[in-house]
């Protein structure tokens, strides 16, 4: 399988919205107030927040926006740490093994959980190794083509793939990612062959598609929508069952040729199992307030991230349902996931 090259360098091209929101940072401001009753006056020291993907993708954008605002709200420091080595699994292993006092957390996507469950052999079960704290947004994906691709819509794409077997490539953020699995489900349902070009993050995958090095990409809305709205990519369709609140002008795949298609994931905050419930509940309450703030919601929608609201218990169900759905996709397609 072809593997993309040059992915260890910084993309240098984060979403424009990340630059705009940089003022939010991960540090607090002097007049902020933490809720009472947090154990040990949590956080009594800077909190390390692992982001197990590169800069420029949906996980990175939503994580920095939400956790930066939390730092403002509580007058605390939440330090972002992008870790892409090994598909983010070594970093997640460190989070799992960290002291569960809330000082080490991770902002991840369903793709990270999928990788841990079905791709990389870990000595822990992702279903129980981490405590769900709070979601940030729905992870809706978009199928989009390079403007110089030999097709402009879904039906032309399928016709091209059938007329040119083995010649349709698509970029995705790593083998076993939501983007990869969504692509395989699309090809299974349409009966065409396509080859995934795996990357270490959706940011570079999208950039290479814009440049025409790959004809097609499947990526998170925050990673793709700004470029699609700027006319740098040709949108084929979004993967959710209904149009995205953040990008309602773009049709769903169900509308353009795959009736009933609905595949999406999540972005959110987790910690090692054992984080005190008081900390979990306080973080959840604060983050749910944050994603409802008009400025945050507007920034998220502008970037293509539909807010997601849930308690820790509801968030756990969302996580488990996504893993179960992935298992069903793997069974239906016969796909065997291996390390990229």
C-alpha atoms as a PDB file:
ATOM      1  CA  UNK A   1       0.000   0.000   0.000  1.00  0.00           C
ATOM      2  CA  UNK A   2       1.313   3.439  -0.866  1.00  0.00           C
ATOM      3  CA  UNK A   3       2.344   5.565   2.093  1.00  0.00           C
ATOM      4  CA  UNK A   4       2.508   9.343   2.023  1.00  0.00           C
ATOM      5  CA  UNK A   5       5.923  10.878   2.580  1.00  0.00           C
ATOM      6  CA  UNK A   6       7.168  14.025   4.254  1.00  0.00           C
ATOM      7  CA  UNK A   7       4.677  13.856   7.081  1.00  0.00           C
ATOM      8  CA  UNK A   8       7.022  14.383  10.013  1.00  0.00           C
ATOM      9  CA  UNK A   9       7.548  18.074   9.293  1.00  0.00           C
ATOM     10  CA  UNK A  10       5.199  20.667  10.712  1.00  0.00           C
ATOM     11  CA  UNK A  11       2.420  21.447   8.316  1.00  0.00           C
ATOM     12  CA  UNK A  12       2.912  25.168   8.926  1.00  0.00           C
ATOM     13  CA  UNK A  13      -0.629  25.587   7.716  1.00  0.00           C
ATOM     14  CA  UNK A  14      -3.001  25.278  10.642  1.00  0.00           C
ATOM     15  CA  UNK A  15      -6.532  26.313  10.088  1.00  0.00           C
ATOM     16  CA  UNK A  16      -6.894  30.056   9.917  1.00  0.00           C
ATOM     17  CA  UNK A  17      -9.313  29.824  12.794  1.00  0.00           C
ATOM     18  CA  UNK A  18      -6.634  28.362  15.058  1.00  0.00           C
ATOM     19  CA  UNK A  19      -4.483  31.441  14.504  1.00  0.00           C
ATOM     20  CA  UNK A  20      -7.421  33.705  15.211  1.00  0.00           C
ATOM     21  CA  UNK A  21      -8.234  31.790  18.375  1.00  0.00           C
ATOM     22  CA  UNK A  22      -4.636  31.713  19.534  1.00  0.00           C
ATOM     23  CA  UNK A  23      -5.442  34.429  22.049  1.00  0.00           C
ATOM     24  CA  UNK A  24      -7.490  31.850  23.944  1.00  0.00           C
ATOM     25  CA  UNK A  25      -4.306  29.873  24.478  1.00  0.00           C
ATOM     26  CA  UNK A  26      -4.208  27.243  27.167  1.00  0.00           C
ATOM     27  CA  UNK A  27      -3.523  29.708  29.974  1.00  0.00           C
ATOM     28  CA  UNK A  28      -5.981  31.368  32.280  1.00  0.00           C
ATOM     29  CA  UNK A  29      -6.581  35.031  33.083  1.00  0.00           C
ATOM     30  CA  UNK A  30      -6.345  36.717  36.443  1.00  0.00           C
ATOM     31  CA  UNK A  31     -10.018  37.306  37.199  1.00  0.00           C
ATOM     32  CA  UNK A  32     -11.242  33.830  36.253  1.00  0.00           C
ATOM     33  CA  UNK A  33     -13.043  31.725  38.826  1.00  0.00           C
ATOM     34  CA  UNK A  34     -12.899  27.979  39.418  1.00  0.00           C
ATOM     35  CA  UNK A  35     -15.971  26.232  40.816  1.00  0.00           C
ATOM     36  CA  UNK A  36     -15.814  25.478  44.559  1.00  0.00           C
ATOM     37  CA  UNK A  37     -15.306  21.976  45.894  1.00  0.00           C
ATOM     38  CA  UNK A  38     -12.612  20.772  43.518  1.00  0.00           C
ATOM     39  CA  UNK A  39     -10.246  18.295  45.238  1.00  0.00           C
ATOM     40  CA  UNK A  40      -6.908  19.846  46.190  1.00  0.00           C
ATOM     41  CA  UNK A  41      -7.986  23.160  44.654  1.00  0.00           C
ATOM     42  CA  UNK A  42      -7.667  21.459  41.263  1.00  0.00           C
ATOM     43  CA  UNK A  43      -5.871  22.288  39.092  1.00  0.00           C
ATOM     44  CA  UNK A  44      -3.092  23.268  41.483  1.00  0.00           C
ATOM     45  CA  UNK A  45      -0.507  22.900  38.683  1.00  0.00           C
ATOM     46  CA  UNK A  46      -0.534  23.099  34.868  1.00  0.00           C
ATOM     47  CA  UNK A  47      -2.576  20.325  33.274  1.00  0.00           C
ATOM     48  CA  UNK A  48      -0.972  18.504  30.360  1.00  0.00           C
ATOM     49  CA  UNK A  49      -3.511  17.841  27.606  1.00  0.00           C
ATOM     50  CA  UNK A  50      -2.235  15.354  25.055  1.00  0.00           C
ATOM     51  CA  UNK A  51      -3.546  15.762  21.508  1.00  0.00           C
ATOM     52  CA  UNK A  52      -2.521  12.484  19.798  1.00  0.00           C
ATOM     53  CA  UNK A  53      -2.556  13.896  16.255  1.00  0.00           C
ATOM     54  CA  UNK A  54      -0.739  16.636  14.368  1.00  0.00           C
ATOM     55  CA  UNK A  55      -1.703  20.274  14.117  1.00  0.00           C
ATOM     56  CA  UNK A  56      -4.282  21.456  11.616  1.00  0.00           C
ATOM     57  CA  UNK A  57      -6.953  18.793  11.945  1.00  0.00           C
ATOM     58  CA  UNK A  58     -10.304  18.681  13.682  1.00  0.00           C
ATOM     59  CA  UNK A  59      -9.066  17.208  16.975  1.00  0.00           C
ATOM     60  CA  UNK A  60      -6.389  19.880  17.298  1.00  0.00           C
ATOM     61  CA  UNK A  61      -8.745  22.747  16.458  1.00  0.00           C
ATOM     62  CA  UNK A  62     -11.600  21.744  18.763  1.00  0.00           C
ATOM     63  CA  UNK A  63      -9.223  20.783  21.575  1.00  0.00           C
ATOM     64  CA  UNK A  64      -7.326  24.054  21.515  1.00  0.00           C
ATOM     65  CA  UNK A  65     -10.500  26.107  21.312  1.00  0.00           C
ATOM     66  CA  UNK A  66     -12.320  24.343  24.150  1.00  0.00           C
ATOM     67  CA  UNK A  67      -9.377  23.858  26.503  1.00  0.00           C
ATOM     68  CA  UNK A  68      -8.122  27.377  25.847  1.00  0.00           C
ATOM     69  CA  UNK A  69     -11.468  28.777  26.883  1.00  0.00           C
ATOM     70  CA  UNK A  70     -11.428  26.552  29.967  1.00  0.00           C
ATOM     71  CA  UNK A  71      -8.085  28.060  30.932  1.00  0.00           C
ATOM     72  CA  UNK A  72      -9.661  31.498  30.710  1.00  0.00           C
ATOM     73  CA  UNK A  73     -12.699  30.407  32.703  1.00  0.00           C
ATOM     74  CA  UNK A  74     -10.745  28.859  35.572  1.00  0.00           C
ATOM     75  CA  UNK A  75      -7.617  31.009  35.576  1.00  0.00           C
ATOM     76  CA  UNK A  76      -5.555  27.851  35.045  1.00  0.00           C
ATOM     77  CA  UNK A  77      -3.072  26.470  32.545  1.00  0.00           C
ATOM     78  CA  UNK A  78      -3.971  23.594  30.214  1.00  0.00           C
ATOM     79  CA  UNK A  79      -0.882  22.822  28.143  1.00  0.00           C
ATOM     80  CA  UNK A  80      -1.413  21.377  24.659  1.00  0.00           C
ATOM     81  CA  UNK A  81       0.953  18.604  23.615  1.00  0.00           C
ATOM     82  CA  UNK A  82       0.614  17.244  20.069  1.00  0.00           C
ATOM     83  CA  UNK A  83       2.028  13.702  19.895  1.00  0.00           C
ATOM     84  CA  UNK A  84       1.830  11.924  16.534  1.00  0.00           C
ATOM     85  CA  UNK A  85       4.424   9.154  16.882  1.00  0.00           C
ATOM     86  CA  UNK A  86       2.986   5.674  16.527  1.00  0.00           C
ATOM     87  CA  UNK A  87      -0.419   6.990  15.550  1.00  0.00           C
ATOM     88  CA  UNK A  88      -0.631   8.670  18.960  1.00  0.00           C
ATOM     89  CA  UNK A  89      -0.700   5.335  20.780  1.00  0.00           C
ATOM     90  CA  UNK A  90       2.516   5.814  22.813  1.00  0.00           C
ATOM     91  CA  UNK A  91       1.121   9.132  24.026  1.00  0.00           C
ATOM     92  CA  UNK A  92      -2.207   7.535  24.933  1.00  0.00           C
ATOM     93  CA  UNK A  93      -0.324   4.802  26.781  1.00  0.00           C
ATOM     94  CA  UNK A  94       1.347   7.470  28.915  1.00  0.00           C
ATOM     95  CA  UNK A  95      -2.028   9.077  29.632  1.00  0.00           C
ATOM     96  CA  UNK A  96      -3.451   5.696  30.625  1.00  0.00           C
ATOM     97  CA  UNK A  97      -0.538   5.099  33.022  1.00  0.00           C
ATOM     98  CA  UNK A  98      -0.545   8.619  34.470  1.00  0.00           C
ATOM     99  CA  UNK A  99      -1.560   9.334  38.053  1.00  0.00           C
ATOM    100  CA  UNK A 100      -5.359   9.800  37.811  1.00  0.00           C
ATOM    101  CA  UNK A 101      -5.433  13.152  39.565  1.00  0.00           C
ATOM    102  CA  UNK A 102      -6.601  15.188  36.570  1.00  0.00           C
ATOM    103  CA  UNK A 103      -3.157  16.623  35.810  1.00  0.00           C
ATOM    104  CA  UNK A 104      -2.795  14.492  32.664  1.00  0.00           C
ATOM    105  CA  UNK A 105      -5.672  14.404  30.187  1.00  0.00           C
ATOM    106  CA  UNK A 106      -6.137  13.822  26.469  1.00  0.00           C
ATOM    107  CA  UNK A 107      -8.276  15.545  23.871  1.00  0.00           C
ATOM    108  CA  UNK A 108      -8.969  12.874  21.290  1.00  0.00           C
ATOM    109  CA  UNK A 109     -11.346  11.757  18.565  1.00  0.00           C
ATOM    110  CA  UNK A 110     -13.214   8.550  17.904  1.00  0.00           C
ATOM    111  CA  UNK A 111     -10.422   7.795  15.418  1.00  0.00           C
ATOM    112  CA  UNK A 112      -7.961   7.474  18.306  1.00  0.00           C
ATOM    113  CA  UNK A 113     -10.242   5.002  20.055  1.00  0.00           C
ATOM    114  CA  UNK A 114     -10.727   3.050  16.832  1.00  0.00           C
ATOM    115  CA  UNK A 115      -6.986   2.765  16.367  1.00  0.00           C
ATOM    116  CA  UNK A 116      -6.520   1.555  19.939  1.00  0.00           C
ATOM    117  CA  UNK A 117      -9.333  -0.978  19.619  1.00  0.00           C
ATOM    118  CA  UNK A 118      -8.717  -2.387  16.152  1.00  0.00           C
ATOM    119  CA  UNK A 119      -5.261  -1.456  14.851  1.00  0.00           C
ATOM    120  CA  UNK A 120      -2.542  -1.179  17.477  1.00  0.00           C
ATOM    121  CA  UNK A 121      -2.059  -3.952  20.019  1.00  0.00           C
ATOM    122  CA  UNK A 122      -2.099  -2.330  23.439  1.00  0.00           C
ATOM    123  CA  UNK A 123      -1.975  -3.971  26.860  1.00  0.00           C
ATOM    124  CA  UNK A 124      -5.163  -2.174  27.844  1.00  0.00           C
ATOM    125  CA  UNK A 125      -8.731  -1.999  26.583  1.00  0.00           C
ATOM    126  CA  UNK A 126      -9.678   1.453  25.318  1.00  0.00           C
ATOM    127  CA  UNK A 127     -13.245   0.825  26.470  1.00  0.00           C
ATOM    128  CA  UNK A 128     -12.128   0.820  30.119  1.00  0.00           C
ATOM    129  CA  UNK A 129      -8.659   2.438  30.159  1.00  0.00           C
ATOM    130  CA  UNK A 130      -9.959   6.020  30.068  1.00  0.00           C
ATOM    131  CA  UNK A 131     -12.720   7.912  31.804  1.00  0.00           C
ATOM    132  CA  UNK A 132     -14.980   9.922  29.470  1.00  0.00           C
ATOM    133  CA  UNK A 133     -15.112  13.524  30.639  1.00  0.00           C
ATOM    134  CA  UNK A 134     -16.810  15.700  28.033  1.00  0.00           C
ATOM    135  CA  UNK A 135     -17.390  15.813  24.288  1.00  0.00           C
ATOM    136  CA  UNK A 136     -16.537  18.902  22.292  1.00  0.00           C
ATOM    137  CA  UNK A 137     -18.162  18.267  18.948  1.00  0.00           C
ATOM    138  CA  UNK A 138     -19.494  15.723  16.530  1.00  0.00           C
ATOM    139  CA  UNK A 139     -16.846  14.426  14.139  1.00  0.00           C
ATOM    140  CA  UNK A 140     -18.556  14.674  10.773  1.00  0.00           C
ATOM    141  CA  UNK A 141     -16.419  13.876   7.764  1.00  0.00           C
ATOM    142  CA  UNK A 142     -16.407  15.318   4.275  1.00  0.00           C
ATOM    143  CA  UNK A 143     -15.521  13.610   1.012  1.00  0.00           C
ATOM    144  CA  UNK A 144     -13.879  16.184  -1.231  1.00  0.00           C
ATOM    145  CA  UNK A 145     -11.899  16.123  -4.469  1.00  0.00           C
ATOM    146  CA  UNK A 146      -8.958  18.068  -5.796  1.00  0.00           C
ATOM    147  CA  UNK A 147     -10.147  20.708  -8.226  1.00  0.00           C
ATOM    148  CA  UNK A 148      -8.112  19.028 -10.958  1.00  0.00           C
ATOM    149  CA  UNK A 149      -9.566  15.559 -10.306  1.00  0.00           C
ATOM    150  CA  UNK A 150     -11.296  13.932 -13.326  1.00  0.00           C
ATOM    151  CA  UNK A 151     -14.694  14.112 -11.578  1.00  0.00           C
ATOM    152  CA  UNK A 152     -16.794  16.823  -9.971  1.00  0.00           C
ATOM    153  CA  UNK A 153     -19.557  14.961  -8.143  1.00  0.00           C
ATOM    154  CA  UNK A 154     -20.442  11.606  -6.567  1.00  0.00           C
ATOM    155  CA  UNK A 155     -21.819   9.909  -9.679  1.00  0.00           C
ATOM    156  CA  UNK A 156     -18.848  11.034 -11.800  1.00  0.00           C
ATOM    157  CA  UNK A 157     -16.483   9.761  -9.091  1.00  0.00           C
ATOM    158  CA  UNK A 158     -18.081   6.314  -9.075  1.00  0.00           C
ATOM    159  CA  UNK A 159     -18.137   6.192 -12.879  1.00  0.00           C
ATOM    160  CA  UNK A 160     -14.433   7.107 -12.977  1.00  0.00           C
ATOM    161  CA  UNK A 161     -13.528   4.457 -10.394  1.00  0.00           C
ATOM    162  CA  UNK A 162     -15.386   1.745 -12.304  1.00  0.00           C
ATOM    163  CA  UNK A 163     -13.862   2.775 -15.628  1.00  0.00           C
ATOM    164  CA  UNK A 164     -10.357   2.979 -14.122  1.00  0.00           C
ATOM    165  CA  UNK A 165     -10.029   0.112 -11.637  1.00  0.00           C
ATOM    166  CA  UNK A 166      -7.158   0.529  -9.201  1.00  0.00           C
ATOM    167  CA  UNK A 167      -6.515   4.171 -10.127  1.00  0.00           C
ATOM    168  CA  UNK A 168      -8.634   5.961  -7.520  1.00  0.00           C
ATOM    169  CA  UNK A 169      -6.596   6.995  -4.463  1.00  0.00           C
ATOM    170  CA  UNK A 170      -7.866   8.889  -1.456  1.00  0.00           C
ATOM    171  CA  UNK A 171      -6.076  10.479   1.490  1.00  0.00           C
ATOM    172  CA  UNK A 172      -7.078   9.816   5.096  1.00  0.00           C
ATOM    173  CA  UNK A 173      -5.621  10.451   8.524  1.00  0.00           C
ATOM    174  CA  UNK A 174      -4.025   7.053   9.199  1.00  0.00           C
ATOM    175  CA  UNK A 175      -5.081   3.476   8.680  1.00  0.00           C
ATOM    176  CA  UNK A 176      -7.965   2.589  10.944  1.00  0.00           C
ATOM    177  CA  UNK A 177      -9.037   6.209  11.328  1.00  0.00           C
ATOM    178  CA  UNK A 178     -12.674   7.212  10.985  1.00  0.00           C
ATOM    179  CA  UNK A 179     -11.802   8.700   7.598  1.00  0.00           C
ATOM    180  CA  UNK A 180     -10.255   5.446   6.388  1.00  0.00           C
ATOM    181  CA  UNK A 181     -13.144   3.307   7.639  1.00  0.00           C
ATOM    182  CA  UNK A 182     -15.715   5.681   6.194  1.00  0.00           C
ATOM    183  CA  UNK A 183     -13.968   5.479   2.835  1.00  0.00           C
ATOM    184  CA  UNK A 184     -13.926   1.694   2.898  1.00  0.00           C
ATOM    185  CA  UNK A 185     -17.625   1.656   3.739  1.00  0.00           C
ATOM    186  CA  UNK A 186     -18.354   3.972   0.801  1.00  0.00           C
ATOM    187  CA  UNK A 187     -16.386   1.774  -1.605  1.00  0.00           C
ATOM    188  CA  UNK A 188     -18.045  -1.366  -0.221  1.00  0.00           C
ATOM    189  CA  UNK A 189     -21.510   0.073  -0.712  1.00  0.00           C
ATOM    190  CA  UNK A 190     -20.763   1.335  -4.230  1.00  0.00           C
ATOM    191  CA  UNK A 191     -18.789  -1.699  -5.392  1.00  0.00           C
ATOM    192  CA  UNK A 192     -15.692   0.241  -6.464  1.00  0.00           C
ATOM    193  CA  UNK A 193     -12.004  -0.143  -5.656  1.00  0.00           C
ATOM    194  CA  UNK A 194     -10.001   2.678  -4.111  1.00  0.00           C
ATOM    195  CA  UNK A 195      -6.632   2.813  -2.358  1.00  0.00           C
ATOM    196  CA  UNK A 196      -6.100   4.711   0.873  1.00  0.00           C
ATOM    197  CA  UNK A 197      -3.047   6.969   1.209  1.00  0.00           C
ATOM    198  CA  UNK A 198      -2.554   7.199   4.999  1.00  0.00           C
ATOM    199  CA  UNK A 199      -1.221  10.321   6.674  1.00  0.00           C
ATOM    200  CA  UNK A 200      -0.337  11.216  10.241  1.00  0.00           C
ATOM    201  CA  UNK A 201      -3.120  13.785  10.415  1.00  0.00           C
ATOM    202  CA  UNK A 202      -5.939  15.192   8.345  1.00  0.00           C
ATOM    203  CA  UNK A 203      -4.250  18.584   7.935  1.00  0.00           C
ATOM    204  CA  UNK A 204      -1.488  17.348   5.631  1.00  0.00           C
ATOM    205  CA  UNK A 205      -3.848  14.917   3.892  1.00  0.00           C
ATOM    206  CA  UNK A 206      -6.074  17.839   2.909  1.00  0.00           C
ATOM    207  CA  UNK A 207      -3.133  20.006   1.833  1.00  0.00           C
ATOM    208  CA  UNK A 208      -1.827  17.308  -0.505  1.00  0.00           C
ATOM    209  CA  UNK A 209      -5.289  16.906  -2.019  1.00  0.00           C
ATOM    210  CA  UNK A 210      -5.552  20.643  -2.638  1.00  0.00           C
ATOM    211  CA  UNK A 211      -2.160  20.453  -4.349  1.00  0.00           C
ATOM    212  CA  UNK A 212      -3.408  17.635  -6.582  1.00  0.00           C
ATOM    213  CA  UNK A 213      -0.968  15.037  -5.264  1.00  0.00           C
ATOM    214  CA  UNK A 214      -3.984  12.921  -4.247  1.00  0.00           C
ATOM    215  CA  UNK A 215      -7.282  13.221  -6.158  1.00  0.00           C
ATOM    216  CA  UNK A 216      -9.610  12.694  -3.220  1.00  0.00           C
ATOM    217  CA  UNK A 217      -9.670  13.149   0.547  1.00  0.00           C
ATOM    218  CA  UNK A 218     -11.883  12.195   3.450  1.00  0.00           C
ATOM    219  CA  UNK A 219     -11.361  14.423   6.461  1.00  0.00           C
ATOM    220  CA  UNK A 220     -13.062  16.091   9.392  1.00  0.00           C
ATOM    221  CA  UNK A 221     -15.162  19.152   8.662  1.00  0.00           C
ATOM    222  CA  UNK A 222     -12.828  21.484  10.617  1.00  0.00           C
ATOM    223  CA  UNK A 223      -9.947  20.300   8.444  1.00  0.00           C
ATOM    224  CA  UNK A 224     -11.812  20.453   5.120  1.00  0.00           C
ATOM    225  CA  UNK A 225     -14.614  23.029   5.299  1.00  0.00           C
ATOM    226  CA  UNK A 226     -12.474  26.217   5.298  1.00  0.00           C
ATOM    227  CA  UNK A 227     -10.769  25.035   2.103  1.00  0.00           C
ATOM    228  CA  UNK A 228     -14.056  23.898   0.568  1.00  0.00           C
ATOM    229  CA  UNK A 229     -15.684  27.262   1.298  1.00  0.00           C
ATOM    230  CA  UNK A 230     -12.653  28.988  -0.234  1.00  0.00           C
ATOM    231  CA  UNK A 231     -13.140  27.000  -3.429  1.00  0.00           C
ATOM    232  CA  UNK A 232      -9.884  25.068  -3.062  1.00  0.00           C
ATOM    233  CA  UNK A 233     -11.656  21.683  -3.036  1.00  0.00           C
ATOM    234  CA  UNK A 234     -14.685  20.229  -4.804  1.00  0.00           C
ATOM    235  CA  UNK A 235     -17.149  18.853  -2.260  1.00  0.00           C
ATOM    236  CA  UNK A 236     -18.609  15.420  -2.983  1.00  0.00           C
ATOM    237  CA  UNK A 237     -20.663  15.104   0.210  1.00  0.00           C
ATOM    238  CA  UNK A 238     -20.672  14.917   4.011  1.00  0.00           C
ATOM    239  CA  UNK A 239     -20.976  11.630   5.871  1.00  0.00           C
ATOM    240  CA  UNK A 240     -23.675  12.460   8.423  1.00  0.00           C
ATOM    241  CA  UNK A 241     -27.278  11.423   7.958  1.00  0.00           C
ATOM    242  CA  UNK A 242     -28.414  15.045   7.903  1.00  0.00           C
ATOM    243  CA  UNK A 243     -26.711  18.216   6.754  1.00  0.00           C
ATOM    244  CA  UNK A 244     -24.194  19.694   9.150  1.00  0.00           C
ATOM    245  CA  UNK A 245     -25.263  22.697  11.196  1.00  0.00           C
ATOM    246  CA  UNK A 246     -21.875  24.226  10.439  1.00  0.00           C
ATOM    247  CA  UNK A 247     -21.957  23.676   6.694  1.00  0.00           C
ATOM    248  CA  UNK A 248     -25.579  23.265   5.612  1.00  0.00           C
ATOM    249  CA  UNK A 249     -24.791  24.288   2.036  1.00  0.00           C
ATOM    250  CA  UNK A 250     -23.015  20.994   1.401  1.00  0.00           C
ATOM    251  CA  UNK A 251     -25.141  17.890   0.638  1.00  0.00           C
ATOM    252  CA  UNK A 252     -24.910  14.580   2.443  1.00  0.00           C
ATOM    253  CA  UNK A 253     -23.739  11.438   0.685  1.00  0.00           C
ATOM    254  CA  UNK A 254     -27.225  10.123   1.314  1.00  0.00           C
ATOM    255  CA  UNK A 255     -28.597  12.928  -0.864  1.00  0.00           C
ATOM    256  CA  UNK A 256     -26.156  12.542  -3.734  1.00  0.00           C
ATOM    257  CA  UNK A 257     -26.090   8.796  -4.252  1.00  0.00           C
ATOM    258  CA  UNK A 258     -25.905   6.670  -1.084  1.00  0.00           C
ATOM    259  CA  UNK A 259     -29.407   6.677   0.439  1.00  0.00           C
ATOM    260  CA  UNK A 260     -29.379   6.173   4.193  1.00  0.00           C
ATOM    261  CA  UNK A 261     -25.611   6.636   4.600  1.00  0.00           C
ATOM    262  CA  UNK A 262     -24.748   7.975   8.073  1.00  0.00           C
ATOM    263  CA  UNK A 263     -21.286   7.690   9.617  1.00  0.00           C
ATOM    264  CA  UNK A 264     -19.819  10.161  12.080  1.00  0.00           C
ATOM    265  CA  UNK A 265     -17.706  10.202  15.227  1.00  0.00           C
ATOM    266  CA  UNK A 266     -16.757  12.520  18.084  1.00  0.00           C
ATOM    267  CA  UNK A 267     -14.089  14.800  19.576  1.00  0.00           C
ATOM    268  CA  UNK A 268     -13.719  15.065  23.330  1.00  0.00           C
ATOM    269  CA  UNK A 269     -11.771  15.089  26.582  1.00  0.00           C
ATOM    270  CA  UNK A 270     -10.805  11.914  28.443  1.00  0.00           C
ATOM    271  CA  UNK A 271      -8.490  11.022  31.313  1.00  0.00           C
ATOM    272  CA  UNK A 272      -6.960   7.927  32.870  1.00  0.00           C
ATOM    273  CA  UNK A 273      -9.465   5.752  34.682  1.00  0.00           C
ATOM    274  CA  UNK A 274      -9.660   6.796  38.296  1.00  0.00           C
ATOM    275  CA  UNK A 275      -9.867  10.570  37.909  1.00  0.00           C
ATOM    276  CA  UNK A 276     -12.073  11.660  40.856  1.00  0.00           C
ATOM    277  CA  UNK A 277     -15.742  12.076  39.904  1.00  0.00           C
ATOM    278  CA  UNK A 278     -15.743  15.612  41.344  1.00  0.00           C
ATOM    279  CA  UNK A 279     -13.064  16.638  38.828  1.00  0.00           C
ATOM    280  CA  UNK A 280     -14.780  14.795  35.971  1.00  0.00           C
ATOM    281  CA  UNK A 281     -18.132  16.414  36.707  1.00  0.00           C
ATOM    282  CA  UNK A 282     -16.657  19.899  37.136  1.00  0.00           C
ATOM    283  CA  UNK A 283     -14.771  19.630  33.842  1.00  0.00           C
ATOM    284  CA  UNK A 284     -17.866  18.319  32.082  1.00  0.00           C
ATOM    285  CA  UNK A 285     -20.061  21.123  33.406  1.00  0.00           C
ATOM    286  CA  UNK A 286     -17.520  23.768  32.403  1.00  0.00           C
ATOM    287  CA  UNK A 287     -16.971  22.366  28.904  1.00  0.00           C
ATOM    288  CA  UNK A 288     -20.705  22.062  28.272  1.00  0.00           C
ATOM    289  CA  UNK A 289     -20.993  25.736  29.224  1.00  0.00           C
ATOM    290  CA  UNK A 290     -18.123  26.569  26.899  1.00  0.00           C
ATOM    291  CA  UNK A 291     -19.521  24.860  23.803  1.00  0.00           C
ATOM    292  CA  UNK A 292     -22.788  26.743  24.372  1.00  0.00           C
ATOM    293  CA  UNK A 293     -21.058  30.146  24.548  1.00  0.00           C
ATOM    294  CA  UNK A 294     -22.069  32.219  21.503  1.00  0.00           C
ATOM    295  CA  UNK A 295     -18.480  33.090  20.554  1.00  0.00           C
ATOM    296  CA  UNK A 296     -17.239  29.517  20.923  1.00  0.00           C
ATOM    297  CA  UNK A 297     -20.197  28.012  19.088  1.00  0.00           C
ATOM    298  CA  UNK A 298     -19.798  30.574  16.308  1.00  0.00           C
ATOM    299  CA  UNK A 299     -16.085  29.770  15.994  1.00  0.00           C
ATOM    300  CA  UNK A 300     -16.806  26.044  15.932  1.00  0.00           C
ATOM    301  CA  UNK A 301     -19.528  26.350  13.324  1.00  0.00           C
ATOM    302  CA  UNK A 302     -17.358  28.636  11.206  1.00  0.00           C
ATOM    303  CA  UNK A 303     -14.656  25.965  11.236  1.00  0.00           C
ATOM    304  CA  UNK A 304     -17.054  23.101  10.537  1.00  0.00           C
ATOM    305  CA  UNK A 305     -17.432  21.619  14.021  1.00  0.00           C
ATOM    306  CA  UNK A 306     -20.990  20.910  15.175  1.00  0.00           C
ATOM    307  CA  UNK A 307     -21.162  21.163  19.013  1.00  0.00           C
ATOM    308  CA  UNK A 308     -21.986  18.001  20.955  1.00  0.00           C
ATOM    309  CA  UNK A 309     -23.588  18.052  24.398  1.00  0.00           C
ATOM    310  CA  UNK A 310     -23.468  15.091  26.812  1.00  0.00           C
ATOM    311  CA  UNK A 311     -22.890  14.104  30.432  1.00  0.00           C
ATOM    312  CA  UNK A 312     -19.923  11.805  31.170  1.00  0.00           C
ATOM    313  CA  UNK A 313     -22.295   8.833  31.187  1.00  0.00           C
ATOM    314  CA  UNK A 314     -23.854   9.844  27.869  1.00  0.00           C
ATOM    315  CA  UNK A 315     -20.393  10.447  26.440  1.00  0.00           C
ATOM    316  CA  UNK A 316     -19.378   6.895  27.384  1.00  0.00           C
ATOM    317  CA  UNK A 317     -22.351   5.529  25.445  1.00  0.00           C
ATOM    318  CA  UNK A 318     -21.394   7.658  22.434  1.00  0.00           C
ATOM    319  CA  UNK A 319     -17.872   6.232  22.591  1.00  0.00           C
ATOM    320  CA  UNK A 320     -19.008   2.615  22.892  1.00  0.00           C
ATOM    321  CA  UNK A 321     -21.603   2.992  20.128  1.00  0.00           C
ATOM    322  CA  UNK A 322     -18.897   4.315  17.770  1.00  0.00           C
ATOM    323  CA  UNK A 323     -16.672   1.317  18.521  1.00  0.00           C
ATOM    324  CA  UNK A 324     -19.561  -1.103  17.988  1.00  0.00           C
ATOM    325  CA  UNK A 325     -20.394   0.558  14.674  1.00  0.00           C
ATOM    326  CA  UNK A 326     -16.777   0.235  13.602  1.00  0.00           C
ATOM    327  CA  UNK A 327     -16.791  -3.464  14.414  1.00  0.00           C
ATOM    328  CA  UNK A 328     -19.870  -3.834  12.204  1.00  0.00           C
ATOM    329  CA  UNK A 329     -18.120  -2.016   9.330  1.00  0.00           C
ATOM    330  CA  UNK A 330     -15.068  -4.255   9.613  1.00  0.00           C
ATOM    331  CA  UNK A 331     -17.251  -7.361   9.624  1.00  0.00           C
ATOM    332  CA  UNK A 332     -19.287  -6.203   6.624  1.00  0.00           C
ATOM    333  CA  UNK A 333     -16.292  -5.177   4.511  1.00  0.00           C
ATOM    334  CA  UNK A 334     -13.877  -7.884   5.577  1.00  0.00           C
ATOM    335  CA  UNK A 335     -11.275  -5.171   6.107  1.00  0.00           C
ATOM    336  CA  UNK A 336      -8.226  -6.116   8.182  1.00  0.00           C
ATOM    337  CA  UNK A 337      -6.541  -3.156   9.795  1.00  0.00           C
ATOM    338  CA  UNK A 338      -2.771  -3.131  10.074  1.00  0.00           C
ATOM    339  CA  UNK A 339      -0.183  -0.637  11.238  1.00  0.00           C
ATOM    340  CA  UNK A 340       0.711   1.969   8.631  1.00  0.00           C
END
